[in-house]
Amino acid sequence: MSHGPVQAFGGSGGGERLLTFAFAGLAAGVLLVDVRGRILTANPRAEELLGRRATAMVGEDAHELLHRGPGGVGIPRSRCVLLAVAEDGRPAWGESDTFLTGEGRALPVRWSAAPIAHGGRTVGLAVLFADVAGSSAPVGREAARVDLLEDLAEQLTLVGAITEVLSETLDVEEAVDRLGPLLVPKLADWVAVDLRTPEGEVRRVAVLGPKGRDPALGAWRGPLPPPTALSRSALVRVLHGAQPVLLGRQEMAEPPDAPLAAVQAGFLRALGATSAAVVALTSAREITGAITAVRTSPDRPFTGRELALLADIGHRAGVAIDNARLFGEQRDIATAMQRHLLTELPQSRDLQLAARYRPAPAGSRVGGDWYDAFGLRDGRTALVIGDVIGHDLQAAARMAQLRNILRALAWDRHESPAAIVGRLDDAMASLTDVPMATMVLAYVEGPPGGPWQVRWTSAGHPPPLLLPATGTPSDGEARYLESGQGIVLGAGGDPGRPDGLEHLPAGSTLLLFTDGLVEVPGADLGAGLEGLRRHAAGLTRYPLEEFCDRILLAIPHGSTDDTALLAIRVPD
């Protein structure tokens, strides 16, 4: 059974609270029905009129359970005008139908229904109905109820859209930017968003109007005065946990009693506010800030029902912002830990080494990419590039486990890279909680002064890229070293894991990298590899450190992964 509309408001409890508040004092029942015709929730007046508990109606087919024609006569489902609202996406109403009560009585009702949209499609309908026998409301009042119903459907659609949009980002700045177009102009002419900082300060991070962030009002953004607890200002009280506040012209004209109150009063005057609502951005942990919604038309003041809607939106936005902050804190810790675990490169008299690590973009999770390089007892230089499955602190911890075991095996055993990686694969299941990983282990070998060669093995990782020195066409074009490919670590072992062996021409550069440098979700990996090959081939004339910096510019737009790269250059 689909519960899309109710989930769009954060669960049936949130939908019922909004319904109860919106129709308090009206002699009308309200039902929320999904596109299949099943009842999602009912307000208390609906329970009273129908003689049925909401819990007993939820999940039942509204047409089969309730809807009847005049005198209680059944209506074929194909001719049900009420259900057609969900199919056609247009409001409808009825004057002579009946709803079947819990006692089996056909209750004559007037009803009207409006569609609820979510994600660009109709996901259900809101049904308002009244007892014809007990209702003597004039036509104007009935028309007002139909308007109210359609307005409620629009508000439910708005709440669903806000929930969906805010849940798609883990970046605070992006969450604030996404909030503005959903509130302006549907619910307000202007919106200001204030956030508490971790240091306890309050900053106005956005002033959003008909054209989004308005540069002309940039002076109102930035740090705000401290919210003095004794102030009567609506903004100060809300930031300290008070209930949402409606402000009319009289309230906005009151003399400010604190610096923050003075800033807020000046801001409202600058916008020409005639009505304002101030609600908190709240989460389970804390009050993260406040929203000030402003209207400038005297004919359209905020209502109590709209204040309740804004308060609900403030809670949803507050949860999204708090989640983004928590994610950011964890991401920063994971990035710092991962950088700490990336050791300094060894010094070599002949070989040049350089490496880079770039975290995933803001709003993305830190992955398990890493590089390593160290000298072995026999004088060879070991190069490692790898990617551990997992994210954030978990990935950093797993990477540390794998790196340390690999270092110990490579130092202790005078064996080929394939043999060392095979031992690592065997140990991984027993000594770590790493489920799967890819990597390249390469040994650069040669006497002092050269010549040099590279011996490597790959466990399901992108191949190394060999770049000849600039101006040496005899050594061939830039190419990937495709040999030495084995299966990923954690896939059950690879008894035939191979090594690759390649001569390193004088002046050549060997580049090891993780897939964040070439891969974008939904894009062709082969195209990414070819793009990197062409880009890197034109950079070998640069010093190795600058070469690595310029290589990072090849990261494709839309990449959501972190990136590690390790380069070694042989002398001319």
Protein backbone atom coordinates (compact mmCIF):
# COMPACT_ATOMS: atom_id res chain seq x y z
CA MET A 1 0.00 0.00 0.00
CA SER A 2 1.32 3.44 -0.92
CA HIS A 3 1.72 5.95 1.90
CA GLY A 4 3.50 8.58 -0.21
CA PRO A 5 1.43 11.65 0.79
CA VAL A 6 1.67 11.00 4.51
CA GLN A 7 5.40 10.20 4.31
CA ALA A 8 5.82 13.48 2.47
CA PHE A 9 4.83 15.32 5.67
CA GLY A 10 7.07 13.14 7.87
CA GLY A 11 4.56 10.49 8.91
CA SER A 12 0.84 10.25 9.64
CA GLY A 13 1.20 12.08 12.97
CA GLY A 14 2.46 15.22 11.21
CA GLY A 15 -0.35 15.02 8.65
CA GLU A 16 -2.99 14.65 11.35
CA ARG A 17 -1.63 17.61 13.33
CA LEU A 18 -1.75 19.79 10.25
CA LEU A 19 -5.27 18.62 9.40
CA THR A 20 -6.54 19.10 12.93
CA PHE A 21 -5.18 22.63 13.13
CA ALA A 22 -6.35 23.60 9.64
CA PHE A 23 -9.96 22.54 10.28
CA ALA A 24 -10.34 23.32 13.99
CA GLY A 25 -13.83 24.69 14.66
CA LEU A 26 -15.27 23.64 11.26
CA ALA A 27 -18.21 21.27 11.09
CA ALA A 28 -16.47 19.33 8.36
CA GLY A 29 -14.61 16.06 8.15
CA VAL A 30 -11.34 15.61 6.28
CA LEU A 31 -9.83 12.46 4.80
CA LEU A 32 -6.50 11.94 3.10
CA VAL A 33 -6.70 9.25 0.42
CA ASP A 34 -3.88 7.81 -1.71
CA VAL A 35 -4.02 7.35 -5.49
CA ARG A 36 -5.35 3.82 -5.09
CA GLY A 37 -8.27 5.11 -3.07
CA ARG A 38 -7.02 3.86 0.30
CA ILE A 39 -7.53 6.07 3.37
CA LEU A 40 -4.33 7.42 4.90
CA THR A 41 -5.72 9.45 7.80
CA ALA A 42 -8.87 11.23 9.03
CA ASN A 43 -9.44 14.24 11.26
CA PRO A 44 -11.47 14.02 14.50
CA ARG A 45 -14.61 15.53 12.91
CA ALA A 46 -14.54 12.80 10.23
CA GLU A 47 -14.42 10.20 12.98
CA GLU A 48 -17.41 11.81 14.68
CA LEU A 49 -19.55 12.10 11.54
CA LEU A 50 -18.79 8.58 10.30
CA GLY A 51 -18.88 6.83 13.68
CA ARG A 52 -15.56 5.20 12.83
CA ARG A 53 -12.13 5.47 14.44
CA ALA A 54 -9.39 6.79 12.17
CA THR A 55 -7.23 3.76 13.02
CA ALA A 56 -9.99 1.47 11.74
CA MET A 57 -10.31 3.40 8.46
CA VAL A 58 -6.61 3.70 7.63
CA GLY A 59 -5.69 1.32 4.82
CA GLU A 60 -9.31 0.70 3.80
CA ASP A 61 -10.62 1.51 0.32
CA ALA A 62 -12.56 4.80 0.62
CA HIS A 63 -14.93 3.92 -2.22
CA GLU A 64 -15.79 0.48 -0.89
CA LEU A 65 -15.98 1.51 2.77
CA LEU A 66 -17.73 4.88 2.53
CA HIS A 67 -18.85 6.26 -0.80
CA ARG A 68 -22.48 5.63 -1.78
CA GLY A 69 -25.02 7.34 -4.00
CA PRO A 70 -28.35 8.92 -2.93
CA GLY A 71 -30.18 6.70 -0.48
CA GLY A 72 -27.11 4.56 0.11
CA VAL A 73 -27.12 3.01 -3.36
CA GLY A 74 -23.77 1.60 -4.45
CA ILE A 75 -21.79 3.45 -7.14
CA PRO A 76 -19.75 1.50 -9.71
CA ARG A 77 -16.08 2.21 -9.23
CA SER A 78 -15.73 3.23 -12.87
CA ARG A 79 -18.25 6.05 -12.30
CA CYS A 80 -16.83 7.30 -8.99
CA VAL A 81 -16.24 11.03 -9.42
CA LEU A 82 -14.34 11.24 -6.16
CA LEU A 83 -11.68 8.70 -7.21
CA ALA A 84 -11.38 10.40 -10.59
CA VAL A 85 -9.76 13.36 -8.82
CA ALA A 86 -6.58 11.33 -8.34
CA GLU A 87 -6.61 10.17 -11.96
CA ASP A 88 -7.42 13.55 -13.57
CA GLY A 89 -5.59 15.81 -11.13
CA ARG A 90 -8.57 18.20 -10.99
CA PRO A 91 -10.84 19.13 -8.03
CA ALA A 92 -14.40 17.74 -7.85
CA TRP A 93 -17.42 17.92 -5.55
CA GLY A 94 -20.73 16.22 -4.87
CA GLU A 95 -24.05 17.45 -3.44
CA SER A 96 -26.26 14.36 -3.23
CA ASP A 97 -24.02 11.43 -2.26
CA THR A 98 -23.92 9.55 1.01
CA PHE A 99 -21.10 8.12 3.15
CA LEU A 100 -21.70 4.84 4.98
CA THR A 101 -21.28 5.19 8.76
CA GLY A 102 -19.95 2.57 11.14
CA GLU A 103 -23.54 1.74 12.14
CA GLY A 104 -24.45 1.03 8.51
CA ARG A 105 -26.42 4.26 8.03
CA ALA A 106 -26.17 6.21 4.77
CA LEU A 107 -25.14 9.73 5.84
CA PRO A 108 -26.13 12.43 3.30
CA VAL A 109 -23.05 14.58 2.67
CA ARG A 110 -21.74 17.45 0.63
CA TRP A 111 -18.12 16.75 -0.32
CA SER A 112 -15.29 18.31 -2.25
CA ALA A 113 -11.91 16.81 -3.15
CA ALA A 114 -8.62 18.30 -4.35
CA PRO A 115 -5.50 16.50 -5.62
CA ILE A 116 -2.22 16.45 -3.68
CA ALA A 117 0.92 16.62 -5.83
CA HIS A 118 4.38 15.40 -4.86
CA GLY A 119 7.43 15.24 -7.12
CA GLY A 120 5.45 16.55 -10.07
CA ARG A 121 2.70 13.93 -9.92
CA THR A 122 -0.56 13.38 -8.08
CA VAL A 123 -0.02 11.12 -5.08
CA GLY A 124 -3.40 11.37 -3.41
CA LEU A 125 -6.33 13.63 -2.60
CA ALA A 126 -7.77 15.57 0.32
CA VAL A 127 -11.51 15.10 0.85
CA LEU A 128 -13.63 17.54 2.86
CA PHE A 129 -17.23 16.60 3.69
CA ALA A 130 -20.11 17.83 5.84
CA ASP A 131 -23.41 16.35 7.05
CA VAL A 132 -26.13 17.83 4.82
CA ALA A 133 -28.81 17.41 7.49
CA GLY A 134 -26.72 19.17 10.13
CA SER A 135 -25.39 21.90 7.86
CA SER A 136 -27.25 25.08 7.00
CA ALA A 137 -24.17 26.97 5.85
CA PRO A 138 -24.80 29.55 3.15
CA VAL A 139 -23.33 29.09 -0.33
CA GLY A 140 -20.53 31.57 0.40
CA ARG A 141 -19.34 29.55 3.36
CA GLU A 142 -19.41 26.33 1.37
CA ALA A 143 -17.37 28.01 -1.37
CA ALA A 144 -14.92 29.17 1.29
CA ARG A 145 -14.59 25.58 2.49
CA VAL A 146 -13.81 24.40 -1.03
CA ASP A 147 -11.15 27.11 -1.29
CA LEU A 148 -9.79 26.04 2.09
CA LEU A 149 -9.59 22.44 0.94
CA GLU A 150 -7.72 23.38 -2.22
CA ASP A 151 -5.41 25.57 -0.14
CA LEU A 152 -4.75 22.65 2.22
CA ALA A 153 -3.91 20.41 -0.75
CA GLU A 154 -1.44 23.03 -1.98
CA GLN A 155 0.12 23.25 1.48
CA LEU A 156 0.48 19.49 1.76
CA THR A 157 2.09 19.50 -1.68
CA LEU A 158 4.47 22.26 -0.52
CA VAL A 159 5.45 20.35 2.63
CA GLY A 160 6.07 17.21 0.57
CA ALA A 161 8.24 19.11 -1.92
CA ILE A 162 10.27 20.72 0.88
CA THR A 163 10.83 17.37 2.59
CA GLU A 164 11.94 15.77 -0.67
CA VAL A 165 14.26 18.60 -1.72
CA LEU A 166 15.93 19.05 1.68
CA SER A 167 16.49 15.32 2.10
CA GLU A 168 18.58 15.29 -1.08
CA THR A 169 21.44 17.42 0.27
CA LEU A 170 23.98 17.12 3.05
CA ASP A 171 25.37 20.62 2.56
CA VAL A 172 24.10 23.45 4.80
CA GLU A 173 24.54 26.19 2.18
CA GLU A 174 22.72 24.13 -0.44
CA ALA A 175 19.88 23.33 1.97
CA VAL A 176 19.31 27.06 2.59
CA ASP A 177 19.41 27.85 -1.14
CA ARG A 178 16.90 25.11 -1.88
CA LEU A 179 14.51 26.35 0.78
CA GLY A 180 14.02 29.84 -0.70
CA PRO A 181 12.34 28.99 -4.04
CA LEU A 182 9.91 26.69 -2.23
CA LEU A 183 8.72 29.43 0.14
CA VAL A 184 8.87 32.46 -2.16
CA PRO A 185 6.42 33.45 -3.58
CA LYS A 186 4.06 30.59 -2.64
CA LEU A 187 4.06 31.37 1.06
CA ALA A 188 5.97 34.62 1.51
CA ASP A 189 7.35 37.60 -0.40
CA TRP A 190 10.69 37.49 1.44
CA VAL A 191 12.44 35.00 3.71
CA ALA A 192 15.45 35.51 5.98
CA VAL A 193 17.33 32.50 7.35
CA ASP A 194 19.39 32.86 10.53
CA LEU A 195 21.66 30.09 11.82
CA ARG A 196 23.33 29.56 15.17
CA THR A 197 27.02 28.80 14.77
CA PRO A 198 28.83 26.11 16.80
CA GLU A 199 30.42 29.00 18.74
CA GLY A 200 27.00 30.25 19.85
CA GLU A 201 26.81 33.24 17.51
CA VAL A 202 23.88 33.96 15.18
CA ARG A 203 24.42 34.71 11.49
CA ARG A 204 21.92 35.79 8.86
CA VAL A 205 23.02 33.47 6.08
CA ALA A 206 20.42 34.30 3.46
CA VAL A 207 17.85 36.88 2.44
CA LEU A 208 15.72 35.29 -0.24
CA GLY A 209 13.22 37.15 -2.38
CA PRO A 210 11.43 36.80 -5.71
CA LYS A 211 14.80 36.56 -7.49
CA GLY A 212 16.50 34.32 -4.95
CA ARG A 213 19.44 35.82 -3.03
CA ASP A 214 19.10 39.58 -3.49
CA PRO A 215 22.53 41.34 -3.76
CA ALA A 216 20.85 44.66 -2.90
CA LEU A 217 20.10 43.31 0.57
CA GLY A 218 23.58 41.90 1.14
CA ALA A 219 24.17 44.36 3.97
CA TRP A 220 21.57 42.52 6.06
CA ARG A 221 23.52 39.27 5.85
CA GLY A 222 26.33 38.37 8.20
CA PRO A 223 26.83 38.22 11.97
CA LEU A 224 23.93 39.40 14.13
CA PRO A 225 24.06 40.83 17.67
CA PRO A 226 23.78 38.27 20.47
CA PRO A 227 20.18 37.18 21.22
CA THR A 228 19.83 38.77 24.67
CA ALA A 229 17.55 36.52 26.70
CA LEU A 230 15.55 39.38 28.28
CA SER A 231 14.46 40.89 24.97
CA ARG A 232 10.78 40.76 23.95
CA SER A 233 11.76 40.56 20.27
CA ALA A 234 10.02 37.74 18.42
CA LEU A 235 13.29 36.63 16.81
CA VAL A 236 15.12 36.55 20.15
CA ARG A 237 12.31 34.63 21.85
CA VAL A 238 12.11 32.06 19.05
CA LEU A 239 15.87 31.53 19.11
CA HIS A 240 15.53 30.78 22.83
CA GLY A 241 12.82 28.16 22.27
CA ALA A 242 9.56 30.16 22.27
CA GLN A 243 6.59 29.21 20.12
CA PRO A 244 6.27 30.64 16.59
CA VAL A 245 5.20 34.30 16.49
CA LEU A 246 2.91 36.28 14.15
CA LEU A 247 3.70 39.96 13.73
CA GLY A 248 1.33 42.62 12.43
CA ARG A 249 2.07 46.27 11.85
CA GLN A 250 1.44 47.13 15.49
CA GLU A 251 3.89 44.54 16.81
CA MET A 252 6.53 45.49 14.25
CA ALA A 253 6.23 49.16 15.25
CA GLU A 254 7.16 48.49 18.90
CA PRO A 255 10.47 50.13 19.94
CA PRO A 256 13.35 47.61 19.94
CA ASP A 257 14.71 46.68 23.35
CA ALA A 258 17.98 44.99 22.32
CA PRO A 259 20.58 45.27 19.52
CA LEU A 260 19.27 42.18 17.72
CA ALA A 261 15.72 43.50 17.98
CA ALA A 262 16.89 46.78 16.41
CA VAL A 263 18.52 44.96 13.48
CA GLN A 264 15.38 42.88 12.91
CA ALA A 265 13.13 45.97 13.07
CA GLY A 266 15.31 47.77 10.53
CA PHE A 267 15.26 44.75 8.25
CA LEU A 268 11.46 44.52 8.30
CA ARG A 269 11.18 48.26 7.58
CA ALA A 270 13.59 47.96 4.64
CA LEU A 271 11.38 45.29 3.08
CA GLY A 272 8.18 47.25 3.69
CA ALA A 273 6.77 44.37 5.74
CA THR A 274 3.07 44.47 6.62
CA SER A 275 2.98 40.99 8.15
CA ALA A 276 5.69 38.64 9.35
CA ALA A 277 6.05 35.20 10.90
CA VAL A 278 9.06 34.01 12.90
CA VAL A 279 9.57 30.29 13.43
CA ALA A 280 12.47 28.23 14.75
CA LEU A 281 14.67 25.86 12.81
CA THR A 282 14.52 22.92 15.18
CA SER A 283 15.88 19.41 15.40
CA ALA A 284 15.89 16.75 18.08
CA ARG A 285 19.26 18.06 19.31
CA GLU A 286 18.88 21.81 19.28
CA ILE A 287 17.46 25.01 17.85
CA THR A 288 19.68 25.57 14.83
CA GLY A 289 18.28 28.98 13.86
CA ALA A 290 15.14 30.76 12.72
CA ILE A 291 13.15 31.68 9.62
CA THR A 292 11.56 35.10 9.25
CA ALA A 293 8.87 35.07 6.56
CA VAL A 294 7.66 38.46 5.32
CA ARG A 295 4.67 39.68 3.33
CA THR A 296 4.44 43.20 1.94
CA SER A 297 0.77 43.34 0.89
CA PRO A 298 -1.63 44.68 3.57
CA ASP A 299 -4.41 42.57 2.05
CA ARG A 300 -2.60 39.30 2.69
CA PRO A 301 -1.51 38.97 6.33
CA PHE A 302 -0.25 35.64 7.64
CA THR A 303 -2.90 33.48 9.31
CA GLY A 304 -2.60 31.17 12.28
CA ARG A 305 -2.91 28.20 9.95
CA GLU A 306 -0.02 29.46 7.82
CA LEU A 307 2.04 30.01 10.96
CA ALA A 308 1.52 26.34 11.86
CA LEU A 309 2.60 25.37 8.37
CA LEU A 310 5.73 27.53 8.60
CA ALA A 311 6.54 25.99 11.99
CA ASP A 312 6.30 22.52 10.44
CA ILE A 313 8.57 23.62 7.59
CA GLY A 314 10.99 25.13 10.11
CA HIS A 315 11.25 21.79 11.86
CA ARG A 316 11.90 19.93 8.60
CA ALA A 317 14.50 22.48 7.50
CA GLY A 318 16.08 22.42 10.96
CA VAL A 319 16.44 18.64 10.84
CA ALA A 320 18.01 18.86 7.36
CA ILE A 321 20.46 21.55 8.49
CA ASP A 322 21.35 19.64 11.66
CA ASN A 323 21.93 16.47 9.63
CA ALA A 324 24.14 18.41 7.23
CA ARG A 325 26.14 19.82 10.13
CA LEU A 326 26.58 16.40 11.72
CA PHE A 327 27.64 14.99 8.37
CA GLY A 328 30.09 17.85 7.90
CA GLU A 329 31.61 17.33 11.35
CA GLN A 330 32.06 13.61 10.75
CA ARG A 331 33.40 14.26 7.27
CA ASP A 332 35.97 16.76 8.57
CA ILE A 333 37.13 14.29 11.22
CA ALA A 334 37.36 11.49 8.66
CA THR A 335 39.26 13.70 6.20
CA ALA A 336 41.70 14.83 8.89
CA MET A 337 42.24 11.23 10.01
CA GLN A 338 42.73 10.08 6.44
CA ARG A 339 45.25 12.85 5.72
CA HIS A 340 47.11 11.95 8.91
CA LEU A 341 47.36 8.34 7.77
CA LEU A 342 48.85 9.36 4.40
CA THR A 343 52.55 9.23 5.26
CA GLU A 344 55.36 11.39 3.95
CA LEU A 345 57.02 10.09 0.81
CA PRO A 346 60.52 8.61 1.07
CA GLN A 347 63.51 10.59 -0.15
CA SER A 348 65.42 9.16 -3.11
CA ARG A 349 68.69 10.37 -4.63
CA ASP A 350 67.58 9.41 -8.14
CA LEU A 351 63.80 9.06 -8.25
CA GLN A 352 61.30 11.89 -7.82
CA LEU A 353 58.04 11.15 -6.00
CA ALA A 354 54.94 13.27 -5.52
CA ALA A 355 51.41 12.52 -4.32
CA ARG A 356 48.08 14.22 -3.82
CA TYR A 357 44.89 13.48 -1.96
CA ARG A 358 41.67 15.40 -2.69
CA PRO A 359 38.62 14.76 -0.48
CA ALA A 360 35.22 14.23 -2.05
CA PRO A 361 33.26 17.41 -2.83
CA ALA A 362 31.21 19.01 -0.03
CA GLY A 363 28.01 17.07 0.49
CA SER A 364 29.66 13.77 -0.52
CA ARG A 365 31.04 11.17 1.82
CA VAL A 366 34.76 10.63 2.34
CA GLY A 367 35.83 7.39 0.69
CA GLY A 368 38.67 4.99 1.44
CA ASP A 369 41.23 6.10 -1.16
CA TRP A 370 44.87 6.14 -0.11
CA TYR A 371 48.44 6.14 -1.37
CA ASP A 372 51.68 5.00 0.21
CA ALA A 373 55.36 4.75 -0.71
CA PHE A 374 58.26 3.35 1.29
CA GLY A 375 61.71 1.89 0.85
CA LEU A 376 62.36 -1.84 1.20
CA ARG A 377 65.38 -3.51 2.80
CA ASP A 378 66.84 -4.50 -0.58
CA GLY A 379 66.76 -0.90 -1.88
CA ARG A 380 63.62 -1.17 -3.99
CA THR A 381 60.90 1.45 -3.64
CA ALA A 382 57.36 0.24 -3.00
CA LEU A 383 54.42 2.25 -4.41
CA VAL A 384 50.83 1.64 -3.30
CA ILE A 385 47.52 3.07 -4.45
CA GLY A 386 44.23 1.67 -3.17
CA ASP A 387 40.56 2.10 -2.45
CA VAL A 388 38.82 0.47 0.52
CA ILE A 389 35.05 -0.04 0.55
CA GLY A 390 33.35 2.15 3.13
CA HIS A 391 32.87 5.79 3.99
CA ASP A 392 34.10 8.37 6.45
CA LEU A 393 35.66 7.18 9.74
CA GLN A 394 34.94 3.57 8.88
CA ALA A 395 36.84 3.89 5.60
CA ALA A 396 39.76 5.66 7.24
CA ALA A 397 40.04 2.97 9.91
CA ARG A 398 39.86 0.17 7.34
CA MET A 399 42.46 1.86 5.17
CA ALA A 400 44.82 2.09 8.16
CA GLN A 401 44.40 -1.64 8.86
CA LEU A 402 45.17 -2.63 5.29
CA ARG A 403 48.08 -0.21 4.91
CA ASN A 404 49.83 -1.41 8.07
CA ILE A 405 49.52 -5.12 7.23
CA LEU A 406 50.76 -4.49 3.68
CA ARG A 407 53.77 -2.55 4.94
CA ALA A 408 54.72 -5.35 7.34
CA LEU A 409 54.38 -8.06 4.67
CA ALA A 410 56.34 -6.10 2.06
CA TRP A 411 59.15 -5.30 4.51
CA ASP A 412 59.42 -8.84 5.88
CA ARG A 413 59.11 -10.83 2.66
CA HIS A 414 61.47 -10.57 -0.32
CA GLU A 415 58.74 -11.65 -2.73
CA SER A 416 57.01 -10.36 -5.83
CA PRO A 417 54.15 -7.83 -5.56
CA ALA A 418 51.67 -10.54 -6.58
CA ALA A 419 52.84 -12.83 -3.76
CA ILE A 420 52.63 -10.02 -1.19
CA VAL A 421 49.13 -8.99 -2.30
CA GLY A 422 48.08 -12.66 -2.20
CA ARG A 423 49.23 -12.87 1.43
CA LEU A 424 47.40 -9.61 2.18
CA ASP A 425 44.21 -11.06 0.67
CA ASP A 426 44.53 -14.14 2.90
CA ALA A 427 45.12 -12.06 6.03
CA MET A 428 42.39 -9.52 5.30
CA ALA A 429 39.49 -11.81 6.19
CA SER A 430 40.98 -12.87 9.54
CA LEU A 431 42.76 -9.72 10.74
CA THR A 432 40.54 -6.87 9.49
CA ASP A 433 36.91 -5.91 8.96
CA VAL A 434 37.62 -4.81 5.39
CA PRO A 435 35.04 -6.55 3.15
CA MET A 436 36.62 -5.62 -0.19
CA ALA A 437 39.32 -3.39 -1.63
CA THR A 438 41.18 -2.63 -4.84
CA MET A 439 44.84 -1.72 -5.05
CA VAL A 440 48.06 -1.64 -7.03
CA LEU A 441 51.36 -2.64 -5.43
CA ALA A 442 54.40 -1.72 -7.52
CA TYR A 443 58.15 -2.12 -6.91
CA VAL A 444 60.54 0.22 -8.70
CA GLU A 445 63.78 -1.69 -9.19
CA GLY A 446 67.22 -0.81 -10.53
CA PRO A 447 70.81 -0.04 -9.59
CA PRO A 448 71.85 3.47 -8.54
CA GLY A 449 71.76 5.66 -11.63
CA GLY A 450 69.47 3.23 -13.46
CA PRO A 451 68.19 1.76 -15.61
CA TRP A 452 64.92 1.16 -13.79
CA GLN A 453 61.97 -1.10 -14.20
CA VAL A 454 58.62 -1.45 -12.46
CA ARG A 455 57.15 -4.76 -11.29
CA TRP A 456 53.53 -4.57 -10.17
CA THR A 457 50.27 -6.35 -9.57
CA SER A 458 46.74 -4.94 -9.62
CA ALA A 459 43.84 -6.21 -7.53
CA GLY A 460 40.90 -4.94 -9.56
CA HIS A 461 42.28 -1.38 -9.64
CA PRO A 462 42.62 1.06 -12.56
CA PRO A 463 45.93 0.35 -14.33
CA PRO A 464 49.06 2.51 -13.90
CA LEU A 465 49.67 5.11 -16.61
CA LEU A 466 53.16 5.28 -18.14
CA LEU A 467 54.08 8.62 -19.69
CA PRO A 468 57.26 8.98 -21.76
CA ALA A 469 59.43 12.05 -21.34
CA THR A 470 58.49 15.09 -23.40
CA GLY A 471 60.18 15.06 -26.80
CA THR A 472 61.01 11.32 -26.84
CA PRO A 473 58.59 9.85 -29.40
CA SER A 474 60.77 6.79 -29.80
CA ASP A 475 59.58 5.62 -26.42
CA GLY A 476 55.99 5.52 -27.66
CA GLU A 477 52.83 7.26 -26.57
CA ALA A 478 51.35 7.47 -23.10
CA ARG A 479 49.75 4.13 -22.31
CA TYR A 480 48.13 2.15 -19.54
CA LEU A 481 49.97 -0.89 -18.21
CA GLU A 482 47.23 -3.48 -18.65
CA SER A 483 49.14 -6.59 -17.59
CA GLY A 484 49.38 -7.73 -13.98
CA GLN A 485 45.60 -7.55 -13.52
CA GLY A 486 44.06 -9.78 -10.84
CA ILE A 487 40.73 -9.85 -9.00
CA VAL A 488 39.80 -7.52 -6.15
CA LEU A 489 40.78 -8.24 -2.56
CA GLY A 490 38.07 -9.99 -0.57
CA ALA A 491 36.60 -11.89 -3.53
CA GLY A 492 37.78 -15.32 -2.40
CA GLY A 493 41.44 -15.27 -3.38
CA ASP A 494 43.33 -15.42 -6.67
CA PRO A 495 45.84 -18.32 -6.77
CA GLY A 496 47.06 -17.18 -10.20
CA ARG A 497 47.49 -13.52 -9.31
CA PRO A 498 49.94 -12.16 -11.92
CA ASP A 499 52.78 -9.66 -11.92
CA GLY A 500 53.51 -7.18 -14.67
CA LEU A 501 57.00 -6.00 -15.64
CA GLU A 502 57.87 -2.88 -17.62
CA HIS A 503 61.03 -0.94 -18.40
CA LEU A 504 60.90 2.70 -17.28
CA PRO A 505 62.50 4.87 -19.98
CA ALA A 506 64.70 7.76 -18.94
CA GLY A 507 62.67 10.81 -17.99
CA SER A 508 59.38 8.87 -17.95
CA THR A 509 56.62 9.37 -15.38
CA LEU A 510 54.54 6.59 -13.83
CA LEU A 511 51.14 7.66 -12.49
CA LEU A 512 49.06 5.58 -10.07
CA PHE A 513 45.57 6.88 -9.23
CA THR A 514 42.15 5.98 -7.83
CA ASP A 515 38.92 5.95 -9.80
CA GLY A 516 37.78 9.34 -8.51
CA LEU A 517 40.14 10.83 -11.12
CA VAL A 518 38.32 9.22 -14.06
CA GLU A 519 34.88 8.08 -12.96
CA VAL A 520 31.53 9.88 -12.73
CA PRO A 521 28.33 8.03 -11.77
CA GLY A 522 26.42 7.20 -14.93
CA ALA A 523 29.28 8.14 -17.29
CA ASP A 524 31.52 5.90 -19.42
CA LEU A 525 34.67 4.82 -17.56
CA GLY A 526 36.54 4.20 -20.79
CA ALA A 527 36.00 7.80 -21.84
CA GLY A 528 37.29 8.98 -18.47
CA LEU A 529 40.46 6.88 -18.80
CA GLU A 530 41.11 8.16 -22.30
CA GLY A 531 40.55 11.74 -21.18
CA LEU A 532 43.10 11.33 -18.38
CA ARG A 533 45.65 9.74 -20.76
CA ARG A 534 45.43 12.65 -23.19
CA HIS A 535 45.50 15.25 -20.41
CA ALA A 536 48.48 13.70 -18.61
CA ALA A 537 50.49 13.24 -21.82
CA GLY A 538 50.61 16.99 -22.26
CA LEU A 539 51.85 17.67 -18.74
CA THR A 540 55.14 15.77 -18.57
CA ARG A 541 57.12 18.95 -19.30
CA TYR A 542 56.17 20.30 -15.87
CA PRO A 543 58.06 19.58 -12.62
CA LEU A 544 56.53 16.60 -10.87
CA GLU A 545 54.81 18.60 -8.09
CA GLU A 546 53.19 20.90 -10.63
CA PHE A 547 52.37 17.89 -12.79
CA CYS A 548 50.32 16.43 -9.92
CA ASP A 549 48.54 19.72 -9.30
CA ARG A 550 47.56 19.94 -12.95
CA ILE A 551 46.49 16.30 -13.02
CA LEU A 552 43.86 17.10 -10.37
CA LEU A 553 42.32 19.53 -12.85
CA ALA A 554 41.34 16.49 -14.92
CA ILE A 555 38.85 15.34 -12.28
CA PRO A 556 35.60 15.20 -14.27
CA HIS A 557 32.68 17.45 -13.39
CA GLY A 558 30.15 15.57 -11.30
CA SER A 559 32.67 13.34 -9.54
CA THR A 560 31.43 12.48 -6.05
CA ASP A 561 34.41 10.41 -4.91
CA ASP A 562 37.65 11.31 -3.20
CA THR A 563 40.84 10.99 -5.23
CA ALA A 564 44.37 9.85 -4.51
CA LEU A 565 47.29 9.86 -6.93
CA LEU A 566 50.96 8.92 -6.70
CA ALA A 567 53.57 9.78 -9.34
CA ILE A 568 57.21 8.77 -9.75
CA ARG A 569 59.63 10.18 -12.32
CA VAL A 570 62.83 8.58 -13.57
CA PRO A 571 65.83 10.87 -14.25
CA ASP A 572 66.76 11.74 -17.84
